[in-house]
Amino acid sequence: MTAVTDEGSCELASLETWRLMEPSLSKLALPTPTEAGTDALSAIEQLITVVARLRSPEDGCPWDLAQTPQTLIPYVIEEAYEVVDALRSRDPIAIAEELGDLLLQVVLQAQIASEQGQFSLVDVANGISQKLIRRHPHVFGEVTVTSAEEVRQNWEQIKAAEQGTDGTKPPSDREAPALCPDTAPP
């Protein structure tokens, strides 16, 4: 699939789930990077470099090197709850700090997975970008919606089609229910 921007076009990585998309999504209007976006990419790149150094077998941190995806589970949960607390406090400084701590968990998990040859942060970012494009046909395609509720319904229908379910599957014992099921999708 080709993305069309003001700067030209580029090939997007494809996933099997692209077959589920509306034909109207064949040409995507994607925004071009802004100065703020370039700054954000530089900051993310620095974080990736710091985490890679912490995990370096030659001169990294013994604690970071000892971590596995499983040992980090409590920290992922803790940081997610701390983000929620910060959001509820409406304190922008606390929110930024806690989002950074949660972002560290994402980058650290991806670093460990990359070391094990499973996936990389690039795969994580590409996967979520493609999911957002697929699940927002009203933005990236020609679907028309008139309300946030229609967006939520479309999101759930697309998600169910991707997962091969009818969208009514109850969560299993090991799945946690969504914290805010009645809100619009991200």
Protein backbone atom coordinates (compact mmCIF):
# COMPACT_ATOMS: atom_id res chain seq x y z
CA MET A 1 0.00 0.00 0.00
CA THR A 2 1.25 3.49 -0.81
CA ALA A 3 0.83 6.48 1.49
CA VAL A 4 0.39 9.79 -0.32
CA THR A 5 1.59 12.99 1.39
CA ASP A 6 2.41 16.53 0.31
CA GLU A 7 6.02 15.35 0.03
CA GLY A 8 5.24 12.47 -2.34
CA SER A 9 4.45 8.86 -1.69
CA CYS A 10 6.04 5.97 0.17
CA GLU A 11 5.32 2.28 0.64
CA LEU A 12 3.70 1.23 3.90
CA ALA A 13 4.53 -2.09 5.49
CA SER A 14 1.64 -4.47 5.05
CA LEU A 15 0.01 -6.83 7.52
CA GLU A 16 -2.42 -9.63 6.81
CA THR A 17 -5.12 -7.50 8.41
CA TRP A 18 -4.82 -4.85 5.66
CA ARG A 19 -7.06 -7.19 3.66
CA LEU A 20 -9.85 -6.25 6.06
CA MET A 21 -9.67 -2.57 5.22
CA GLU A 22 -12.12 -0.68 3.19
CA PRO A 23 -11.03 -0.26 -0.43
CA SER A 24 -11.30 3.48 0.19
CA LEU A 25 -8.17 3.27 2.34
CA SER A 26 -5.92 2.53 -0.61
CA LYS A 27 -4.64 6.12 -0.67
CA LEU A 28 -3.85 7.57 2.72
CA ALA A 29 -3.29 11.23 3.40
CA LEU A 30 -0.64 11.18 6.11
CA PRO A 31 0.71 14.32 7.77
CA THR A 32 4.28 15.37 7.11
CA PRO A 33 6.64 15.63 10.09
CA THR A 34 6.63 18.96 11.91
CA GLU A 35 9.41 20.58 13.89
CA ALA A 36 7.74 19.36 17.08
CA GLY A 37 7.57 15.87 15.58
CA THR A 38 11.26 16.00 14.73
CA ASP A 39 12.04 17.04 18.32
CA ALA A 40 9.90 14.17 19.61
CA LEU A 41 11.73 11.70 17.36
CA SER A 42 15.08 12.97 18.65
CA ALA A 43 13.92 12.56 22.25
CA ILE A 44 12.65 9.03 21.56
CA GLU A 45 15.93 8.19 19.83
CA GLN A 46 17.82 9.38 22.91
CA LEU A 47 15.63 7.20 25.15
CA ILE A 48 16.24 4.18 22.92
CA THR A 49 20.00 4.83 23.11
CA VAL A 50 19.91 5.16 26.92
CA VAL A 51 17.93 1.91 27.32
CA ALA A 52 20.26 0.07 24.94
CA ARG A 53 23.24 1.27 26.99
CA LEU A 54 21.57 0.16 30.24
CA ARG A 55 21.13 -3.30 28.66
CA SER A 56 24.68 -3.45 27.23
CA PRO A 57 26.47 -6.64 28.36
CA GLU A 58 29.80 -4.77 28.32
CA ASP A 59 29.04 -1.75 30.50
CA GLY A 60 25.32 -1.78 31.24
CA CYS A 61 23.43 -1.78 34.51
CA PRO A 62 23.30 -5.15 36.32
CA TRP A 63 19.68 -4.56 37.39
CA ASP A 64 18.53 -3.71 33.85
CA LEU A 65 20.46 -6.66 32.41
CA ALA A 66 18.77 -9.03 34.87
CA GLN A 67 15.28 -8.00 33.78
CA THR A 68 13.02 -10.14 31.61
CA PRO A 69 9.60 -9.35 30.18
CA GLN A 70 8.07 -11.28 33.08
CA THR A 71 10.07 -9.55 35.85
CA LEU A 72 8.98 -6.20 34.45
CA ILE A 73 5.24 -6.98 34.59
CA PRO A 74 4.75 -5.40 38.04
CA TYR A 75 6.47 -2.22 36.83
CA VAL A 76 4.27 -2.01 33.72
CA ILE A 77 1.17 -2.28 35.90
CA GLU A 78 2.51 0.15 38.50
CA GLU A 79 3.42 2.74 35.90
CA ALA A 80 0.04 2.44 34.17
CA TYR A 81 -1.73 3.08 37.47
CA GLU A 82 0.58 6.00 38.21
CA VAL A 83 -0.35 7.51 34.82
CA VAL A 84 -4.02 7.19 35.77
CA ASP A 85 -3.38 8.88 39.13
CA ALA A 86 -1.48 11.70 37.43
CA LEU A 87 -4.25 12.18 34.87
CA ARG A 88 -6.82 12.36 37.64
CA SER A 89 -4.70 14.96 39.43
CA ARG A 90 -4.62 17.06 36.23
CA ASP A 91 -1.04 18.01 37.07
CA PRO A 92 0.79 18.39 33.73
CA ILE A 93 4.22 17.90 35.30
CA ALA A 94 3.14 14.67 37.02
CA ILE A 95 1.41 13.47 33.85
CA ALA A 96 4.53 14.05 31.74
CA GLU A 97 6.72 12.28 34.30
CA GLU A 98 4.44 9.25 34.61
CA LEU A 99 3.95 8.96 30.85
CA GLY A 100 7.75 8.93 30.58
CA ASP A 101 7.94 6.10 33.11
CA LEU A 102 5.35 4.12 31.14
CA LEU A 103 7.17 4.86 27.87
CA LEU A 104 10.33 3.47 29.47
CA GLN A 105 8.50 0.21 30.07
CA VAL A 106 7.50 0.02 26.40
CA VAL A 107 11.02 0.78 25.18
CA LEU A 108 12.58 -1.63 27.68
CA GLN A 109 10.22 -4.46 26.70
CA ALA A 110 10.96 -3.83 23.02
CA GLN A 111 14.72 -3.72 23.70
CA ILE A 112 14.60 -7.09 25.46
CA ALA A 113 12.46 -8.59 22.69
CA SER A 114 14.86 -7.22 20.07
CA GLU A 115 17.82 -8.79 21.89
CA GLN A 116 15.95 -12.11 21.76
CA GLY A 117 15.16 -11.71 18.06
CA GLN A 118 11.40 -11.51 18.64
CA PHE A 119 10.44 -7.97 17.56
CA SER A 120 11.71 -4.41 17.79
CA LEU A 121 10.39 -1.00 18.76
CA VAL A 122 10.03 -0.35 15.03
CA ASP A 123 7.64 -3.31 14.83
CA VAL A 124 5.69 -1.96 17.82
CA ALA A 125 5.41 1.54 16.33
CA ASN A 126 4.56 0.29 12.84
CA GLY A 127 1.96 -2.08 14.26
CA ILE A 128 0.13 0.59 16.24
CA SER A 129 0.33 3.08 13.35
CA GLN A 130 -1.21 0.56 10.96
CA LYS A 131 -3.87 -0.36 13.51
CA LEU A 132 -4.81 3.29 13.98
CA ILE A 133 -5.06 3.80 10.23
CA ARG A 134 -7.22 0.68 9.80
CA ARG A 135 -9.49 1.61 12.68
CA HIS A 136 -9.96 5.22 11.62
CA PRO A 137 -11.41 4.89 8.11
CA HIS A 138 -13.29 8.15 8.73
CA VAL A 139 -9.92 9.94 8.88
CA PHE A 140 -7.73 7.93 6.50
CA GLY A 141 -10.44 6.71 4.13
CA GLU A 142 -13.81 7.76 2.83
CA VAL A 143 -16.07 6.59 5.65
CA THR A 144 -18.28 9.32 7.10
CA VAL A 145 -19.21 9.51 10.76
CA THR A 146 -21.25 12.08 12.65
CA SER A 147 -20.48 11.22 16.27
CA ALA A 148 -17.94 9.77 18.66
CA GLU A 149 -20.36 6.90 19.24
CA GLU A 150 -20.22 5.95 15.55
CA VAL A 151 -16.42 6.01 15.76
CA ARG A 152 -16.54 3.68 18.78
CA GLN A 153 -18.95 1.31 17.02
CA ASN A 154 -16.79 1.25 13.86
CA TRP A 155 -13.69 0.64 16.00
CA GLU A 156 -15.31 -2.34 17.71
CA GLN A 157 -16.57 -3.79 14.41
CA ILE A 158 -13.15 -3.47 12.77
CA LYS A 159 -11.45 -4.93 15.85
CA ALA A 160 -13.86 -7.88 15.90
CA ALA A 161 -13.26 -8.52 12.18
CA GLU A 162 -9.48 -8.42 12.71
CA GLN A 163 -9.77 -10.88 15.58
CA GLY A 164 -12.23 -13.09 13.74
CA THR A 165 -14.93 -12.65 16.38
CA ASP A 166 -18.37 -11.12 16.47
CA GLY A 167 -17.29 -8.60 19.11
CA THR A 168 -19.34 -10.17 21.89
CA LYS A 169 -16.70 -12.57 23.26
CA PRO A 170 -16.54 -12.29 27.04
CA PRO A 171 -13.07 -11.79 28.51
CA SER A 172 -11.27 -14.94 29.61
CA ASP A 173 -10.02 -15.41 33.14
CA ARG A 174 -6.60 -14.11 32.18
CA GLU A 175 -7.86 -11.00 30.38
CA ALA A 176 -8.46 -7.88 32.42
CA PRO A 177 -11.59 -5.93 31.52
CA ALA A 178 -11.08 -2.53 29.98
CA LEU A 179 -10.85 0.21 32.58
CA CYS A 180 -13.07 2.57 30.59
CA PRO A 181 -15.15 0.52 28.12
CA ASP A 182 -17.62 3.31 27.42
CA THR A 183 -15.07 5.82 26.14
CA ALA A 184 -14.18 6.48 22.53
CA PRO A 185 -11.19 4.58 21.13
CA PRO A 186 -7.70 6.07 21.40
